[in-house]
Amino acid sequence: MGQYVVSPSTQPTACGRFRASFAVQRSQGNGSYCRVFRFDTTFASREAARVFAVTQGWLQTCVPMRPAC
């Protein structure tokens, strides 16, 4: 636990809706990385977009990934 820092974000659209995104940062030893995930789905409220971003960030960092076949 505590290996990642997830930073959710929301952005207003031109039509008054909101988009969600999040950044995942990890530092380990001498290396580090940051990935940004942006979503095309729009939401009626900033809070709905934020909840979506937090949930997606949790899934990205907490759910074990299956090995590629």
PDB file of N, CA and C in Angstrom:
ATOM      1  N   MET A   1       0.830  -1.176   0.000  1.00  0.00           N
ATOM      2  CA  MET A   1       0.000   0.000   0.000  1.00  0.00           C
ATOM      3  C   MET A   1       0.880   1.247   0.000  1.00  0.00           C
ATOM      4  N   GLY A   2       0.345   2.320  -0.539  1.00  0.00           N
ATOM      5  CA  GLY A   2       1.079   3.568  -0.535  1.00  0.00           C
ATOM      6  C   GLY A   2       2.144   3.678  -1.599  1.00  0.00           C
ATOM      7  N   GLN A   3       2.123   2.806  -2.598  1.00  0.00           N
ATOM      8  CA  GLN A   3       3.121   2.839  -3.656  1.00  0.00           C
ATOM      9  C   GLN A   3       2.840   3.919  -4.687  1.00  0.00           C
ATOM     10  N   TYR A   4       1.603   4.328  -4.797  1.00  0.00           N
ATOM     11  CA  TYR A   4       1.192   5.245  -5.852  1.00  0.00           C
ATOM     12  C   TYR A   4       0.572   6.515  -5.273  1.00  0.00           C
ATOM     13  N   VAL A   5       0.651   7.580  -6.039  1.00  0.00           N
ATOM     14  CA  VAL A   5      -0.092   8.804  -5.740  1.00  0.00           C
ATOM     15  C   VAL A   5      -1.040   9.020  -6.912  1.00  0.00           C
ATOM     16  N   VAL A   6      -2.334   9.050  -6.622  1.00  0.00           N
ATOM     17  CA  VAL A   6      -3.354   9.252  -7.647  1.00  0.00           C
ATOM     18  C   VAL A   6      -3.932  10.649  -7.459  1.00  0.00           C
ATOM     19  N   SER A   7      -3.904  11.437  -8.527  1.00  0.00           N
ATOM     20  CA  SER A   7      -4.404  12.811  -8.482  1.00  0.00           C
ATOM     21  C   SER A   7      -5.564  12.966  -9.457  1.00  0.00           C
ATOM     22  N   PRO A   8      -6.822  12.943  -8.958  1.00  0.00           N
ATOM     23  CA  PRO A   8      -7.964  13.124  -9.847  1.00  0.00           C
ATOM     24  C   PRO A   8      -8.100  14.585 -10.254  1.00  0.00           C
ATOM     25  N   SER A   9      -8.704  14.808 -11.411  1.00  0.00           N
ATOM     26  CA  SER A   9      -8.891  16.163 -11.911  1.00  0.00           C
ATOM     27  C   SER A   9     -10.160  16.218 -12.748  1.00  0.00           C
ATOM     28  N   THR A  10     -10.770  17.395 -12.818  1.00  0.00           N
ATOM     29  CA  THR A  10     -11.921  17.606 -13.687  1.00  0.00           C
ATOM     30  C   THR A  10     -11.667  18.842 -14.536  1.00  0.00           C
ATOM     31  N   GLN A  11     -12.246  18.850 -15.729  1.00  0.00           N
ATOM     32  CA  GLN A  11     -12.109  19.981 -16.637  1.00  0.00           C
ATOM     33  C   GLN A  11     -13.485  20.315 -17.191  1.00  0.00           C
ATOM     34  N   PRO A  12     -13.879  21.590 -17.164  1.00  0.00           N
ATOM     35  CA  PRO A  12     -15.163  21.970 -17.766  1.00  0.00           C
ATOM     36  C   PRO A  12     -15.069  21.912 -19.287  1.00  0.00           C
ATOM     37  N   THR A  13     -16.181  21.568 -19.917  1.00  0.00           N
ATOM     38  CA  THR A  13     -16.244  21.562 -21.381  1.00  0.00           C
ATOM     39  C   THR A  13     -16.924  22.851 -21.848  1.00  0.00           C
ATOM     40  N   ALA A  14     -16.884  23.085 -23.134  1.00  0.00           N
ATOM     41  CA  ALA A  14     -17.498  24.289 -23.704  1.00  0.00           C
ATOM     42  C   ALA A  14     -19.019  24.304 -23.519  1.00  0.00           C
ATOM     43  N   CYS A  15     -19.623  23.120 -23.399  1.00  0.00           N
ATOM     44  CA  CYS A  15     -21.087  23.049 -23.272  1.00  0.00           C
ATOM     45  C   CYS A  15     -21.562  23.015 -21.818  1.00  0.00           C
ATOM     46  N   GLY A  16     -20.639  23.226 -20.857  1.00  0.00           N
ATOM     47  CA  GLY A  16     -21.028  23.290 -19.459  1.00  0.00           C
ATOM     48  C   GLY A  16     -20.996  21.972 -18.711  1.00  0.00           C
ATOM     49  N   ARG A  17     -20.518  20.918 -19.342  1.00  0.00           N
ATOM     50  CA  ARG A  17     -20.370  19.632 -18.665  1.00  0.00           C
ATOM     51  C   ARG A  17     -18.927  19.504 -18.193  1.00  0.00           C
ATOM     52  N   PHE A  18     -18.554  18.331 -17.659  1.00  0.00           N
ATOM     53  CA  PHE A  18     -17.219  18.143 -17.113  1.00  0.00           C
ATOM     54  C   PHE A  18     -16.609  16.836 -17.591  1.00  0.00           C
ATOM     55  N   ARG A  19     -15.309  16.861 -17.831  1.00  0.00           N
ATOM     56  CA  ARG A  19     -14.543  15.663 -18.181  1.00  0.00           C
ATOM     57  C   ARG A  19     -13.697  15.262 -16.981  1.00  0.00           C
ATOM     58  N   ALA A  20     -13.388  13.976 -16.907  1.00  0.00           N
ATOM     59  CA  ALA A  20     -12.574  13.445 -15.810  1.00  0.00           C
ATOM     60  C   ALA A  20     -11.207  13.019 -16.322  1.00  0.00           C
ATOM     61  N   SER A  21     -10.226  13.120 -15.451  1.00  0.00           N
ATOM     62  CA  SER A  21      -8.893  12.596 -15.732  1.00  0.00           C
ATOM     63  C   SER A  21      -8.215  12.321 -14.395  1.00  0.00           C
ATOM     64  N   PHE A  22      -7.132  11.569 -14.445  1.00  0.00           N
ATOM     65  CA  PHE A  22      -6.325  11.384 -13.247  1.00  0.00           C
ATOM     66  C   PHE A  22      -4.891  11.093 -13.649  1.00  0.00           C
ATOM     67  N   ALA A  23      -3.981  11.394 -12.743  1.00  0.00           N
ATOM     68  CA  ALA A  23      -2.564  11.100 -12.937  1.00  0.00           C
ATOM     69  C   ALA A  23      -2.148  10.094 -11.876  1.00  0.00           C
ATOM     70  N   VAL A  24      -1.317   9.134 -12.267  1.00  0.00           N
ATOM     71  CA  VAL A  24      -0.746   8.152 -11.346  1.00  0.00           C
ATOM     72  C   VAL A  24       0.752   8.391 -11.318  1.00  0.00           C
ATOM     73  N   GLN A  25       1.283   8.593 -10.129  1.00  0.00           N
ATOM     74  CA  GLN A  25       2.723   8.800  -9.967  1.00  0.00           C
ATOM     75  C   GLN A  25       3.275   7.721  -9.055  1.00  0.00           C
ATOM     76  N   ARG A  26       4.472   7.264  -9.389  1.00  0.00           N
ATOM     77  CA  ARG A  26       5.134   6.253  -8.567  1.00  0.00           C
ATOM     78  C   ARG A  26       6.628   6.513  -8.589  1.00  0.00           C
ATOM     79  N   SER A  27       7.227   6.441  -7.432  1.00  0.00           N
ATOM     80  CA  SER A  27       8.687   6.531  -7.306  1.00  0.00           C
ATOM     81  C   SER A  27       9.167   5.276  -6.611  1.00  0.00           C
ATOM     82  N   GLN A  28      10.185   4.674  -7.152  1.00  0.00           N
ATOM     83  CA  GLN A  28      10.735   3.462  -6.562  1.00  0.00           C
ATOM     84  C   GLN A  28      12.223   3.437  -6.847  1.00  0.00           C
ATOM     85  N   GLY A  29      13.026   3.461  -5.810  1.00  0.00           N
ATOM     86  CA  GLY A  29      14.472   3.460  -6.000  1.00  0.00           C
ATOM     87  C   GLY A  29      14.907   4.682  -6.779  1.00  0.00           C
ATOM     88  N   ASN A  30      15.654   4.462  -7.851  1.00  0.00           N
ATOM     89  CA  ASN A  30      16.139   5.559  -8.680  1.00  0.00           C
ATOM     90  C   ASN A  30      15.188   5.923  -9.818  1.00  0.00           C
ATOM     91  N   GLY A  31      14.104   5.183  -9.958  1.00  0.00           N
ATOM     92  CA  GLY A  31      13.192   5.443 -11.074  1.00  0.00           C
ATOM     93  C   GLY A  31      11.852   5.970 -10.606  1.00  0.00           C
ATOM     94  N   SER A  32      11.175   6.629 -11.507  1.00  0.00           N
ATOM     95  CA  SER A  32       9.830   7.101 -11.223  1.00  0.00           C
ATOM     96  C   SER A  32       9.079   7.242 -12.543  1.00  0.00           C
ATOM     97  N   TYR A  33       7.760   7.278 -12.443  1.00  0.00           N
ATOM     98  CA  TYR A  33       6.977   7.544 -13.639  1.00  0.00           C
ATOM     99  C   TYR A  33       5.676   8.228 -13.270  1.00  0.00           C
ATOM    100  N   CYS A  34       5.079   8.835 -14.258  1.00  0.00           N
ATOM    101  CA  CYS A  34       3.780   9.486 -14.124  1.00  0.00           C
ATOM    102  C   CYS A  34       2.992   9.188 -15.389  1.00  0.00           C
ATOM    103  N   ARG A  35       1.775   8.692 -15.217  1.00  0.00           N
ATOM    104  CA  ARG A  35       0.888   8.451 -16.353  1.00  0.00           C
ATOM    105  C   ARG A  35      -0.373   9.269 -16.155  1.00  0.00           C
ATOM    106  N   VAL A  36      -0.874   9.849 -17.223  1.00  0.00           N
ATOM    107  CA  VAL A  36      -2.100  10.632 -17.176  1.00  0.00           C
ATOM    108  C   VAL A  36      -3.160   9.913 -18.003  1.00  0.00           C
ATOM    109  N   PHE A  37      -4.336   9.750 -17.417  1.00  0.00           N
ATOM    110  CA  PHE A  37      -5.463   9.104 -18.080  1.00  0.00           C
ATOM    111  C   PHE A  37      -6.560  10.150 -18.252  1.00  0.00           C
ATOM    112  N   ARG A  38      -7.018  10.347 -19.490  1.00  0.00           N
ATOM    113  CA  ARG A  38      -8.096  11.290 -19.787  1.00  0.00           C
ATOM    114  C   ARG A  38      -9.254  10.513 -20.405  1.00  0.00           C
ATOM    115  N   PHE A  39     -10.465  10.916 -20.086  1.00  0.00           N
ATOM    116  CA  PHE A  39     -11.651  10.199 -20.545  1.00  0.00           C
ATOM    117  C   PHE A  39     -12.516  11.104 -21.406  1.00  0.00           C
ATOM    118  N   ASP A  40     -13.144  10.518 -22.433  1.00  0.00           N
ATOM    119  CA  ASP A  40     -14.009  11.262 -23.345  1.00  0.00           C
ATOM    120  C   ASP A  40     -15.411  11.469 -22.795  1.00  0.00           C
ATOM    121  N   THR A  41     -15.813  10.624 -21.852  1.00  0.00           N
ATOM    122  CA  THR A  41     -17.151  10.732 -21.274  1.00  0.00           C
ATOM    123  C   THR A  41     -17.308  12.075 -20.563  1.00  0.00           C
ATOM    124  N   THR A  42     -18.472  12.701 -20.709  1.00  0.00           N
ATOM    125  CA  THR A  42     -18.734  13.950 -19.988  1.00  0.00           C
ATOM    126  C   THR A  42     -19.767  13.691 -18.895  1.00  0.00           C
ATOM    127  N   PHE A  43     -19.741  14.533 -17.879  1.00  0.00           N
ATOM    128  CA  PHE A  43     -20.601  14.379 -16.719  1.00  0.00           C
ATOM    129  C   PHE A  43     -21.339  15.689 -16.462  1.00  0.00           C
ATOM    130  N   ALA A  44     -22.539  15.585 -15.881  1.00  0.00           N
ATOM    131  CA  ALA A  44     -23.355  16.763 -15.623  1.00  0.00           C
ATOM    132  C   ALA A  44     -22.783  17.647 -14.518  1.00  0.00           C
ATOM    133  N   SER A  45     -22.027  17.048 -13.589  1.00  0.00           N
ATOM    134  CA  SER A  45     -21.480  17.836 -12.482  1.00  0.00           C
ATOM    135  C   SER A  45     -19.987  17.558 -12.302  1.00  0.00           C
ATOM    136  N   ARG A  46     -19.318  18.513 -11.690  1.00  0.00           N
ATOM    137  CA  ARG A  46     -17.889  18.363 -11.376  1.00  0.00           C
ATOM    138  C   ARG A  46     -17.689  17.200 -10.398  1.00  0.00           C
ATOM    139  N   GLU A  47     -18.609  17.062  -9.434  1.00  0.00           N
ATOM    140  CA  GLU A  47     -18.493  15.992  -8.439  1.00  0.00           C
ATOM    141  C   GLU A  47     -18.620  14.616  -9.086  1.00  0.00           C
ATOM    142  N   ALA A  48     -19.518  14.454 -10.033  1.00  0.00           N
ATOM    143  CA  ALA A  48     -19.669  13.164 -10.727  1.00  0.00           C
ATOM    144  C   ALA A  48     -18.401  12.828 -11.499  1.00  0.00           C
ATOM    145  N   ALA A  49     -17.800  13.806 -12.158  1.00  0.00           N
ATOM    146  CA  ALA A  49     -16.550  13.584 -12.888  1.00  0.00           C
ATOM    147  C   ALA A  49     -15.424  13.217 -11.922  1.00  0.00           C
ATOM    148  N   ARG A  50     -15.385  13.879 -10.755  1.00  0.00           N
ATOM    149  CA  ARG A  50     -14.346  13.600  -9.764  1.00  0.00           C
ATOM    150  C   ARG A  50     -14.489  12.180  -9.209  1.00  0.00           C
ATOM    151  N   VAL A  51     -15.709  11.765  -8.905  1.00  0.00           N
ATOM    152  CA  VAL A  51     -15.935  10.408  -8.392  1.00  0.00           C
ATOM    153  C   VAL A  51     -15.502   9.373  -9.436  1.00  0.00           C
ATOM    154  N   PHE A  52     -15.814   9.619 -10.694  1.00  0.00           N
ATOM    155  CA  PHE A  52     -15.393   8.713 -11.761  1.00  0.00           C
ATOM    156  C   PHE A  52     -13.869   8.634 -11.825  1.00  0.00           C
ATOM    157  N   ALA A  53     -13.191   9.780 -11.759  1.00  0.00           N
ATOM    158  CA  ALA A  53     -11.723   9.808 -11.818  1.00  0.00           C
ATOM    159  C   ALA A  53     -11.109   9.075 -10.632  1.00  0.00           C
ATOM    160  N   VAL A  54     -11.649   9.280  -9.436  1.00  0.00           N
ATOM    161  CA  VAL A  54     -11.142   8.593  -8.243  1.00  0.00           C
ATOM    162  C   VAL A  54     -11.325   7.089  -8.384  1.00  0.00           C
ATOM    163  N   THR A  55     -12.486   6.671  -8.851  1.00  0.00           N
ATOM    164  CA  THR A  55     -12.759   5.235  -9.025  1.00  0.00           C
ATOM    165  C   THR A  55     -11.824   4.611 -10.055  1.00  0.00           C
ATOM    166  N   GLN A  56     -11.642   5.282 -11.174  1.00  0.00           N
ATOM    167  CA  GLN A  56     -10.745   4.751 -12.200  1.00  0.00           C
ATOM    168  C   GLN A  56      -9.301   4.709 -11.699  1.00  0.00           C
ATOM    169  N   GLY A  57      -8.884   5.702 -10.936  1.00  0.00           N
ATOM    170  CA  GLY A  57      -7.544   5.701 -10.352  1.00  0.00           C
ATOM    171  C   GLY A  57      -7.359   4.546  -9.395  1.00  0.00           C
ATOM    172  N   TRP A  58      -8.376   4.275  -8.574  1.00  0.00           N
ATOM    173  CA  TRP A  58      -8.321   3.139  -7.653  1.00  0.00           C
ATOM    174  C   TRP A  58      -8.211   1.832  -8.428  1.00  0.00           C
ATOM    175  N   LEU A  59      -9.017   1.677  -9.470  1.00  0.00           N
ATOM    176  CA  LEU A  59      -8.952   0.454 -10.268  1.00  0.00           C
ATOM    177  C   LEU A  59      -7.576   0.271 -10.910  1.00  0.00           C
ATOM    178  N   GLN A  60      -6.998   1.356 -11.403  1.00  0.00           N
ATOM    179  CA  GLN A  60      -5.695   1.285 -12.069  1.00  0.00           C
ATOM    180  C   GLN A  60      -4.588   0.858 -11.108  1.00  0.00           C
ATOM    181  N   THR A  61      -4.676   1.252  -9.847  1.00  0.00           N
ATOM    182  CA  THR A  61      -3.580   0.995  -8.912  1.00  0.00           C
ATOM    183  C   THR A  61      -3.816  -0.175  -7.972  1.00  0.00           C
ATOM    184  N   CYS A  62      -5.066  -0.589  -7.775  1.00  0.00           N
ATOM    185  CA  CYS A  62      -5.352  -1.609  -6.766  1.00  0.00           C
ATOM    186  C   CYS A  62      -5.738  -2.969  -7.315  1.00  0.00           C
ATOM    187  N   VAL A  63      -6.264  -3.018  -8.501  1.00  0.00           N
ATOM    188  CA  VAL A  63      -6.709  -4.280  -9.069  1.00  0.00           C
ATOM    189  C   VAL A  63      -5.545  -4.924  -9.809  1.00  0.00           C
ATOM    190  N   PRO A  64      -5.197  -6.166  -9.452  1.00  0.00           N
ATOM    191  CA  PRO A  64      -4.073  -6.815 -10.144  1.00  0.00           C
ATOM    192  C   PRO A  64      -4.336  -6.952 -11.639  1.00  0.00           C
ATOM    193  N   MET A  65      -3.328  -6.652 -12.418  1.00  0.00           N
ATOM    194  CA  MET A  65      -3.441  -6.773 -13.876  1.00  0.00           C
ATOM    195  C   MET A  65      -3.141  -8.210 -14.283  1.00  0.00           C
ATOM    196  N   ARG A  66      -3.878  -8.674 -15.285  1.00  0.00           N
ATOM    197  CA  ARG A  66      -3.602 -10.006 -15.834  1.00  0.00           C
ATOM    198  C   ARG A  66      -2.422  -9.925 -16.777  1.00  0.00           C
ATOM    199  N   PRO A  67      -1.592 -10.965 -16.807  1.00  0.00           N
ATOM    200  CA  PRO A  67      -0.474 -10.948 -17.759  1.00  0.00           C
ATOM    201  C   PRO A  67      -0.990 -10.968 -19.192  1.00  0.00           C
ATOM    202  N   ALA A  68      -0.288 -10.283 -20.060  1.00  0.00           N
ATOM    203  CA  ALA A  68      -0.651 -10.264 -21.480  1.00  0.00           C
ATOM    204  C   ALA A  68      -0.384 -11.621 -22.095  1.00  0.00           C
ATOM    205  N   CYS A  69      -1.273 -12.060 -22.965  1.00  0.00           N
ATOM    206  CA  CYS A  69      -1.116 -13.375 -23.612  1.00  0.00           C
ATOM    207  C   CYS A  69      -0.319 -13.244 -24.882  1.00  0.00           C
TER     208      CYS A  69
END
